N, C-alpha and C. Protein backbone atom coordinates (compact mmCIF):
# COMPACT_ATOMS: atom_id res chain seq x y z
N MET A 1 17.60 0.30 7.55
CA MET A 1 17.99 1.22 6.50
C MET A 1 16.93 1.26 5.39
N LYS A 2 16.40 0.12 5.06
CA LYS A 2 15.41 0.05 3.99
C LYS A 2 14.16 0.84 4.37
N ILE A 3 13.78 0.77 5.64
CA ILE A 3 12.58 1.48 6.10
C ILE A 3 12.81 2.99 6.03
N LEU A 4 14.00 3.43 6.42
CA LEU A 4 14.29 4.87 6.36
C LEU A 4 14.26 5.38 4.92
N THR A 5 14.74 4.57 4.00
CA THR A 5 14.69 4.95 2.60
C THR A 5 13.25 5.07 2.13
N ARG A 6 12.44 4.08 2.51
CA ARG A 6 11.03 4.11 2.12
C ARG A 6 10.32 5.32 2.72
N ILE A 7 10.63 5.63 3.98
CA ILE A 7 10.00 6.77 4.63
C ILE A 7 10.40 8.07 3.93
N SER A 8 11.66 8.18 3.54
CA SER A 8 12.11 9.37 2.82
C SER A 8 11.41 9.50 1.48
N ILE A 9 11.30 8.38 0.78
CA ILE A 9 10.61 8.39 -0.51
C ILE A 9 9.15 8.74 -0.32
N LEU A 10 8.53 8.16 0.71
CA LEU A 10 7.12 8.45 0.99
C LEU A 10 6.91 9.93 1.27
N THR A 11 7.79 10.52 2.04
CA THR A 11 7.67 11.94 2.36
C THR A 11 7.74 12.79 1.09
N ALA A 12 8.67 12.46 0.22
CA ALA A 12 8.79 13.21 -1.04
C ALA A 12 7.56 13.00 -1.91
N ILE A 13 7.08 11.77 -1.95
CA ILE A 13 5.91 11.46 -2.77
C ILE A 13 4.66 12.16 -2.22
N LEU A 14 4.50 12.14 -0.91
CA LEU A 14 3.34 12.80 -0.32
C LEU A 14 3.36 14.30 -0.59
N ALA A 15 4.53 14.90 -0.49
CA ALA A 15 4.64 16.33 -0.77
C ALA A 15 4.25 16.62 -2.21
N PHE A 16 4.74 15.80 -3.13
CA PHE A 16 4.41 15.95 -4.54
C PHE A 16 2.92 15.73 -4.77
N SER A 17 2.36 14.72 -4.10
CA SER A 17 0.93 14.43 -4.25
C SER A 17 0.07 15.59 -3.76
N LEU A 18 0.45 16.14 -2.63
CA LEU A 18 -0.31 17.28 -2.11
C LEU A 18 -0.24 18.46 -3.07
N PHE A 19 0.90 18.63 -3.67
CA PHE A 19 1.06 19.70 -4.66
C PHE A 19 0.13 19.47 -5.84
N LEU A 20 0.09 18.25 -6.36
CA LEU A 20 -0.74 17.96 -7.53
C LEU A 20 -2.23 17.95 -7.19
N ALA A 21 -2.57 17.42 -6.03
CA ALA A 21 -3.97 17.24 -5.68
C ALA A 21 -4.57 18.47 -4.99
N GLY A 22 -3.78 19.45 -4.72
CA GLY A 22 -4.25 20.60 -3.97
C GLY A 22 -5.42 21.32 -4.60
N CYS A 23 -5.50 21.34 -5.89
CA CYS A 23 -6.54 22.08 -6.58
C CYS A 23 -7.71 21.22 -7.03
N GLN A 24 -7.62 19.94 -6.81
CA GLN A 24 -8.66 19.04 -7.28
C GLN A 24 -9.62 18.70 -6.15
N GLU A 25 -10.90 18.75 -6.46
CA GLU A 25 -11.91 18.34 -5.50
C GLU A 25 -12.40 16.94 -5.86
N GLU A 26 -12.71 16.17 -4.82
CA GLU A 26 -13.22 14.83 -5.06
C GLU A 26 -14.72 14.88 -5.31
N GLY A 27 -15.15 14.09 -6.26
CA GLY A 27 -16.57 14.00 -6.54
C GLY A 27 -17.22 12.96 -5.64
N PRO A 28 -18.54 12.87 -5.67
CA PRO A 28 -19.25 11.93 -4.80
C PRO A 28 -18.92 10.47 -5.09
N VAL A 29 -18.67 10.14 -6.34
CA VAL A 29 -18.33 8.75 -6.67
C VAL A 29 -16.96 8.40 -6.10
N GLU A 30 -16.03 9.33 -6.20
CA GLU A 30 -14.68 9.09 -5.67
C GLU A 30 -14.72 8.93 -4.15
N LYS A 31 -15.52 9.77 -3.48
CA LYS A 31 -15.66 9.66 -2.03
C LYS A 31 -16.29 8.32 -1.63
N ALA A 32 -17.30 7.90 -2.37
CA ALA A 32 -17.94 6.61 -2.09
C ALA A 32 -16.94 5.47 -2.31
N GLY A 33 -16.14 5.56 -3.36
CA GLY A 33 -15.13 4.54 -3.61
C GLY A 33 -14.11 4.45 -2.50
N GLU A 34 -13.71 5.59 -1.96
CA GLU A 34 -12.76 5.59 -0.85
C GLU A 34 -13.37 4.94 0.39
N LYS A 35 -14.64 5.21 0.64
CA LYS A 35 -15.30 4.59 1.79
C LYS A 35 -15.38 3.07 1.63
N ILE A 36 -15.65 2.63 0.41
CA ILE A 36 -15.69 1.19 0.14
C ILE A 36 -14.30 0.60 0.36
N ASP A 37 -13.27 1.27 -0.14
CA ASP A 37 -11.90 0.79 0.05
C ASP A 37 -11.56 0.67 1.54
N GLU A 38 -11.94 1.68 2.30
CA GLU A 38 -11.66 1.66 3.74
C GLU A 38 -12.39 0.51 4.42
N ALA A 39 -13.63 0.27 4.03
CA ALA A 39 -14.40 -0.83 4.62
C ALA A 39 -13.74 -2.17 4.31
N VAL A 40 -13.30 -2.34 3.08
CA VAL A 40 -12.63 -3.59 2.69
C VAL A 40 -11.33 -3.75 3.47
N GLU A 41 -10.57 -2.69 3.62
CA GLU A 41 -9.32 -2.75 4.38
C GLU A 41 -9.59 -3.10 5.84
N ASN A 42 -10.64 -2.53 6.41
CA ASN A 42 -10.97 -2.85 7.80
C ASN A 42 -11.31 -4.33 7.97
N VAL A 43 -12.05 -4.87 7.02
CA VAL A 43 -12.39 -6.30 7.08
C VAL A 43 -11.13 -7.14 6.92
N GLU A 44 -10.27 -6.77 6.00
CA GLU A 44 -9.02 -7.51 5.79
C GLU A 44 -8.15 -7.49 7.04
N GLU A 45 -8.08 -6.34 7.70
CA GLU A 45 -7.26 -6.22 8.91
C GLU A 45 -7.79 -7.12 10.02
N LYS A 46 -9.09 -7.24 10.11
CA LYS A 46 -9.67 -8.09 11.16
C LYS A 46 -9.45 -9.57 10.85
N ILE A 47 -9.46 -9.90 9.58
CA ILE A 47 -9.24 -11.29 9.18
C ILE A 47 -7.77 -11.65 9.27
N ASN A 48 -6.90 -10.76 8.83
CA ASN A 48 -5.47 -11.02 8.74
C ASN A 48 -4.69 -9.85 9.36
N PRO A 49 -4.58 -9.79 10.70
CA PRO A 49 -3.88 -8.67 11.33
C PRO A 49 -2.39 -8.66 10.96
N GLN A 50 -1.84 -7.45 10.85
CA GLN A 50 -0.44 -7.29 10.45
C GLN A 50 0.30 -6.46 11.49
N GLY A 51 1.59 -6.58 11.46
CA GLY A 51 2.43 -5.77 12.34
C GLY A 51 2.57 -4.37 11.81
N PRO A 52 3.08 -3.46 12.64
CA PRO A 52 3.21 -2.06 12.24
C PRO A 52 4.15 -1.84 11.06
N ALA A 53 5.21 -2.63 10.96
CA ALA A 53 6.14 -2.45 9.85
C ALA A 53 5.48 -2.82 8.52
N GLU A 54 4.72 -3.89 8.53
CA GLU A 54 4.05 -4.30 7.30
C GLU A 54 2.97 -3.28 6.91
N GLU A 55 2.26 -2.77 7.90
CA GLU A 55 1.25 -1.74 7.61
C GLU A 55 1.90 -0.50 7.01
N ALA A 56 3.03 -0.10 7.57
CA ALA A 56 3.73 1.08 7.05
C ALA A 56 4.19 0.83 5.62
N GLY A 57 4.69 -0.36 5.36
CA GLY A 57 5.12 -0.71 4.00
C GLY A 57 3.98 -0.66 3.02
N GLU A 58 2.83 -1.16 3.43
CA GLU A 58 1.66 -1.13 2.55
C GLU A 58 1.20 0.30 2.28
N LYS A 59 1.23 1.13 3.30
CA LYS A 59 0.84 2.53 3.11
C LYS A 59 1.80 3.23 2.16
N ILE A 60 3.07 2.92 2.28
CA ILE A 60 4.06 3.49 1.36
C ILE A 60 3.78 3.03 -0.06
N ASP A 61 3.53 1.74 -0.22
CA ASP A 61 3.22 1.20 -1.55
C ASP A 61 1.98 1.87 -2.14
N GLU A 62 0.95 2.06 -1.32
CA GLU A 62 -0.27 2.71 -1.79
C GLU A 62 0.02 4.16 -2.21
N ALA A 63 0.82 4.85 -1.40
CA ALA A 63 1.15 6.24 -1.71
C ALA A 63 1.95 6.33 -3.02
N VAL A 64 2.86 5.41 -3.20
CA VAL A 64 3.66 5.39 -4.43
C VAL A 64 2.75 5.16 -5.64
N GLU A 65 1.84 4.20 -5.51
CA GLU A 65 0.93 3.89 -6.62
C GLU A 65 0.04 5.09 -6.93
N LYS A 66 -0.48 5.74 -5.89
CA LYS A 66 -1.35 6.90 -6.09
C LYS A 66 -0.58 8.04 -6.76
N THR A 67 0.66 8.22 -6.33
CA THR A 67 1.48 9.29 -6.90
C THR A 67 1.79 9.01 -8.36
N LYS A 68 2.05 7.74 -8.68
CA LYS A 68 2.29 7.39 -10.09
C LYS A 68 1.07 7.75 -10.94
N GLU A 69 -0.11 7.43 -10.43
CA GLU A 69 -1.33 7.74 -11.17
C GLU A 69 -1.51 9.25 -11.33
N GLU A 70 -1.26 9.99 -10.25
CA GLU A 70 -1.42 11.43 -10.31
C GLU A 70 -0.39 12.07 -11.24
N ALA A 71 0.83 11.54 -11.21
CA ALA A 71 1.87 12.06 -12.10
C ALA A 71 1.51 11.78 -13.56
N SER A 72 0.95 10.60 -13.80
CA SER A 72 0.54 10.26 -15.16
C SER A 72 -0.58 11.19 -15.63
N ASP A 73 -1.53 11.45 -14.74
CA ASP A 73 -2.61 12.38 -15.08
C ASP A 73 -2.07 13.78 -15.35
N ALA A 74 -1.13 14.22 -14.51
CA ALA A 74 -0.54 15.55 -14.70
C ALA A 74 0.21 15.62 -16.02
N LYS A 75 0.92 14.55 -16.36
CA LYS A 75 1.65 14.50 -17.62
C LYS A 75 0.68 14.63 -18.80
N LYS A 76 -0.43 13.91 -18.72
CA LYS A 76 -1.43 13.97 -19.80
C LYS A 76 -1.98 15.39 -19.94
N LYS A 77 -2.26 16.02 -18.81
CA LYS A 77 -2.81 17.38 -18.85
C LYS A 77 -1.80 18.35 -19.46
N ILE A 78 -0.53 18.18 -19.09
CA ILE A 78 0.51 19.05 -19.63
C ILE A 78 0.64 18.84 -21.13
N GLU A 79 0.64 17.57 -21.54
CA GLU A 79 0.75 17.27 -22.97
C GLU A 79 -0.43 17.85 -23.75
N GLU A 80 -1.63 17.77 -23.16
CA GLU A 80 -2.81 18.31 -23.84
C GLU A 80 -2.74 19.83 -23.92
N SER A 81 -2.21 20.47 -22.88
CA SER A 81 -2.15 21.94 -22.90
C SER A 81 -1.09 22.45 -23.87
N VAL A 82 -0.09 21.63 -24.14
CA VAL A 82 0.99 22.03 -25.05
C VAL A 82 0.51 21.95 -26.50
N LYS A 83 -0.42 21.04 -26.78
CA LYS A 83 -0.90 20.84 -28.16
C LYS A 83 -1.61 22.02 -28.70
């Protein structure tokens, strides 16, 4: 049950993230940072392999964190445009 709840939340968060991020392009520094993150994750996975449920949970946690950041950024932009 807990996994289904997380998957439902993840789906809603991803939809919201796509909505917010749809108009934003990534710069070269952001792309390089993502590649570094992926490389670190690959090394971590080889050192400490995890099961599929734990991997899914981590991806959900990452998506939630990213969405929080994007929502915060959107809130700031809205507040600035209202001023």
